[in-house]
Amino acid sequence: MSPARISTRAAAAGLAGIAGVHVAWAAGSSWPLQDRAALADAVIGRAGGEVPSPAACMLVAALLGSAASV
């Protein structure tokens, strides 16, 4: 397998993995942190704030999934 094909598949797998994390966040998971407040602080920089809505997480997941499939 050529290096270009390997890197293409690796990039697609990475994008699909990130999409999966967004689906988990939409379902209420705070992985990889303890709670949603810590997740909001780490991911979007809002200490004690709210993470984006499940709909927003699913939109990002769909876009990442589309990018992975391209």
N, C-alpha and C. Protein backbone atom coordinates (compact mmCIF):
# COMPACT_ATOMS: atom_id res chain seq x y z
N MET A 1 0.85 -1.16 0.00
CA MET A 1 0.00 0.00 0.00
C MET A 1 0.91 1.24 0.00
N SER A 2 0.52 2.23 -0.78
CA SER A 2 1.35 3.43 -0.91
C SER A 2 1.23 4.32 0.32
N PRO A 3 2.25 5.13 0.56
CA PRO A 3 2.19 6.05 1.70
C PRO A 3 1.01 7.02 1.60
N ALA A 4 0.66 7.44 0.41
CA ALA A 4 -0.47 8.35 0.24
C ALA A 4 -1.77 7.68 0.67
N ARG A 5 -1.93 6.43 0.30
CA ARG A 5 -3.15 5.71 0.68
C ARG A 5 -3.21 5.48 2.19
N ILE A 6 -2.07 5.18 2.78
CA ILE A 6 -2.01 4.99 4.23
C ILE A 6 -2.37 6.27 4.96
N SER A 7 -1.81 7.40 4.52
CA SER A 7 -2.10 8.67 5.19
C SER A 7 -3.56 9.08 4.98
N THR A 8 -4.13 8.77 3.82
CA THR A 8 -5.53 9.09 3.57
C THR A 8 -6.43 8.29 4.51
N ARG A 9 -6.12 7.02 4.66
CA ARG A 9 -6.93 6.18 5.56
C ARG A 9 -6.75 6.58 7.02
N ALA A 10 -5.54 6.96 7.39
CA ALA A 10 -5.30 7.40 8.76
C ALA A 10 -6.06 8.69 9.06
N ALA A 11 -6.06 9.61 8.10
CA ALA A 11 -6.80 10.87 8.30
C ALA A 11 -8.30 10.60 8.40
N ALA A 12 -8.82 9.72 7.55
CA ALA A 12 -10.24 9.38 7.59
C ALA A 12 -10.60 8.73 8.92
N ALA A 13 -9.73 7.85 9.42
CA ALA A 13 -9.98 7.19 10.71
C ALA A 13 -9.96 8.20 11.85
N GLY A 14 -9.03 9.15 11.78
CA GLY A 14 -8.97 10.19 12.80
C GLY A 14 -10.22 11.06 12.82
N LEU A 15 -10.66 11.46 11.64
CA LEU A 15 -11.89 12.27 11.55
C LEU A 15 -13.10 11.49 12.05
N ALA A 16 -13.18 10.22 11.69
CA ALA A 16 -14.29 9.39 12.16
C ALA A 16 -14.26 9.22 13.68
N GLY A 17 -13.07 9.09 14.23
CA GLY A 17 -12.95 8.98 15.68
C GLY A 17 -13.40 10.24 16.40
N ILE A 18 -13.01 11.38 15.86
CA ILE A 18 -13.43 12.66 16.45
C ILE A 18 -14.94 12.82 16.32
N ALA A 19 -15.50 12.36 15.20
CA ALA A 19 -16.96 12.40 15.04
C ALA A 19 -17.63 11.56 16.11
N GLY A 20 -17.05 10.40 16.40
CA GLY A 20 -17.61 9.54 17.44
C GLY A 20 -17.61 10.19 18.81
N VAL A 21 -16.56 10.93 19.10
CA VAL A 21 -16.49 11.65 20.39
C VAL A 21 -17.61 12.69 20.45
N HIS A 22 -17.88 13.37 19.34
CA HIS A 22 -18.95 14.37 19.33
C HIS A 22 -20.32 13.72 19.52
N VAL A 23 -20.50 12.54 18.96
CA VAL A 23 -21.76 11.81 19.19
C VAL A 23 -21.89 11.45 20.67
N ALA A 24 -20.80 11.01 21.28
CA ALA A 24 -20.83 10.69 22.72
C ALA A 24 -21.15 11.93 23.54
N TRP A 25 -20.57 13.06 23.18
CA TRP A 25 -20.87 14.30 23.90
C TRP A 25 -22.33 14.69 23.72
N ALA A 26 -22.88 14.49 22.53
CA ALA A 26 -24.29 14.79 22.29
C ALA A 26 -25.19 13.92 23.16
N ALA A 27 -24.73 12.70 23.44
CA ALA A 27 -25.51 11.78 24.28
C ALA A 27 -25.35 12.06 25.77
N GLY A 28 -24.50 13.04 26.13
CA GLY A 28 -24.36 13.42 27.53
C GLY A 28 -23.07 13.00 28.20
N SER A 29 -22.19 12.35 27.47
CA SER A 29 -20.91 11.93 28.06
C SER A 29 -20.01 13.14 28.31
N SER A 30 -19.19 13.03 29.33
CA SER A 30 -18.21 14.09 29.58
C SER A 30 -16.80 13.58 29.31
N TRP A 31 -16.70 12.40 28.70
CA TRP A 31 -15.41 11.79 28.40
C TRP A 31 -14.55 12.77 27.63
N PRO A 32 -13.33 12.97 27.96
CA PRO A 32 -12.44 12.26 28.86
C PRO A 32 -12.32 12.92 30.23
N LEU A 33 -13.21 13.81 30.57
CA LEU A 33 -13.12 14.52 31.84
C LEU A 33 -14.20 14.03 32.81
N GLN A 34 -14.13 14.54 34.05
CA GLN A 34 -15.03 14.06 35.10
C GLN A 34 -16.47 14.48 34.91
N ASP A 35 -16.69 15.74 34.52
CA ASP A 35 -18.06 16.23 34.40
C ASP A 35 -18.17 17.22 33.25
N ARG A 36 -19.40 17.63 32.96
CA ARG A 36 -19.66 18.50 31.82
C ARG A 36 -19.06 19.90 32.01
N ALA A 37 -19.00 20.37 33.25
CA ALA A 37 -18.40 21.69 33.51
C ALA A 37 -16.91 21.68 33.18
N ALA A 38 -16.22 20.63 33.56
CA ALA A 38 -14.79 20.51 33.24
C ALA A 38 -14.60 20.37 31.73
N LEU A 39 -15.51 19.66 31.09
CA LEU A 39 -15.45 19.52 29.63
C LEU A 39 -15.63 20.86 28.95
N ALA A 40 -16.60 21.65 29.42
CA ALA A 40 -16.82 22.97 28.84
C ALA A 40 -15.59 23.85 29.01
N ASP A 41 -14.97 23.79 30.16
CA ASP A 41 -13.77 24.59 30.40
C ASP A 41 -12.62 24.16 29.50
N ALA A 42 -12.41 22.86 29.37
CA ALA A 42 -11.28 22.35 28.59
C ALA A 42 -11.49 22.51 27.09
N VAL A 43 -12.69 22.27 26.62
CA VAL A 43 -12.93 22.25 25.18
C VAL A 43 -13.21 23.63 24.61
N ILE A 44 -14.04 24.40 25.29
CA ILE A 44 -14.42 25.70 24.73
C ILE A 44 -14.01 26.89 25.59
N GLY A 45 -13.37 26.63 26.72
CA GLY A 45 -12.84 27.71 27.54
C GLY A 45 -13.86 28.47 28.36
N ARG A 46 -14.97 27.83 28.69
CA ARG A 46 -15.99 28.46 29.52
C ARG A 46 -16.02 27.79 30.88
N ALA A 47 -15.27 28.33 31.80
CA ALA A 47 -15.24 27.75 33.16
C ALA A 47 -16.62 27.81 33.77
N GLY A 48 -17.13 26.67 34.19
CA GLY A 48 -18.45 26.61 34.82
C GLY A 48 -19.59 26.82 33.86
N GLY A 49 -19.30 26.88 32.59
CA GLY A 49 -20.33 27.12 31.58
C GLY A 49 -20.95 25.84 31.06
N GLU A 50 -21.68 25.98 30.01
CA GLU A 50 -22.35 24.86 29.38
C GLU A 50 -21.64 24.47 28.10
N VAL A 51 -21.64 23.20 27.83
CA VAL A 51 -21.12 22.73 26.55
C VAL A 51 -22.16 23.02 25.48
N PRO A 52 -21.78 23.02 24.21
CA PRO A 52 -22.77 23.24 23.15
C PRO A 52 -23.89 22.21 23.21
N SER A 53 -24.99 22.54 22.60
CA SER A 53 -26.18 21.69 22.63
C SER A 53 -25.92 20.35 21.92
N PRO A 54 -26.73 19.34 22.24
CA PRO A 54 -26.61 18.06 21.53
C PRO A 54 -26.76 18.22 20.02
N ALA A 55 -27.65 19.12 19.60
CA ALA A 55 -27.83 19.34 18.16
C ALA A 55 -26.55 19.88 17.52
N ALA A 56 -25.89 20.79 18.21
CA ALA A 56 -24.63 21.33 17.69
C ALA A 56 -23.56 20.25 17.63
N CYS A 57 -23.49 19.40 18.65
CA CYS A 57 -22.52 18.29 18.64
C CYS A 57 -22.81 17.33 17.50
N MET A 58 -24.08 17.04 17.25
CA MET A 58 -24.43 16.13 16.17
C MET A 58 -24.14 16.75 14.81
N LEU A 59 -24.31 18.06 14.68
CA LEU A 59 -23.97 18.73 13.43
C LEU A 59 -22.48 18.60 13.15
N VAL A 60 -21.67 18.85 14.16
CA VAL A 60 -20.22 18.72 14.00
C VAL A 60 -19.86 17.27 13.67
N ALA A 61 -20.51 16.32 14.34
CA ALA A 61 -20.25 14.91 14.07
C ALA A 61 -20.59 14.56 12.62
N ALA A 62 -21.71 15.09 12.12
CA ALA A 62 -22.10 14.82 10.74
C ALA A 62 -21.09 15.42 9.76
N LEU A 63 -20.64 16.62 10.04
CA LEU A 63 -19.65 17.25 9.16
C LEU A 63 -18.32 16.49 9.18
N LEU A 64 -17.89 16.07 10.36
CA LEU A 64 -16.66 15.27 10.45
C LEU A 64 -16.81 13.92 9.75
N GLY A 65 -17.96 13.31 9.90
CA GLY A 65 -18.22 12.05 9.23
C GLY A 65 -18.21 12.20 7.72
N SER A 66 -18.79 13.30 7.25
CA SER A 66 -18.76 13.58 5.81
C SER A 66 -17.35 13.79 5.31
N ALA A 67 -16.57 14.53 6.08
CA ALA A 67 -15.16 14.75 5.70
C ALA A 67 -14.40 13.44 5.69
N ALA A 68 -14.68 12.56 6.62
CA ALA A 68 -14.00 11.26 6.68
C ALA A 68 -14.34 10.41 5.47
N SER A 69 -15.58 10.51 5.03
CA SER A 69 -15.99 9.67 3.89
C SER A 69 -15.47 10.19 2.57
N VAL A 70 -15.12 11.47 2.51
CA VAL A 70 -14.59 12.04 1.26
C VAL A 70 -13.17 11.55 1.09
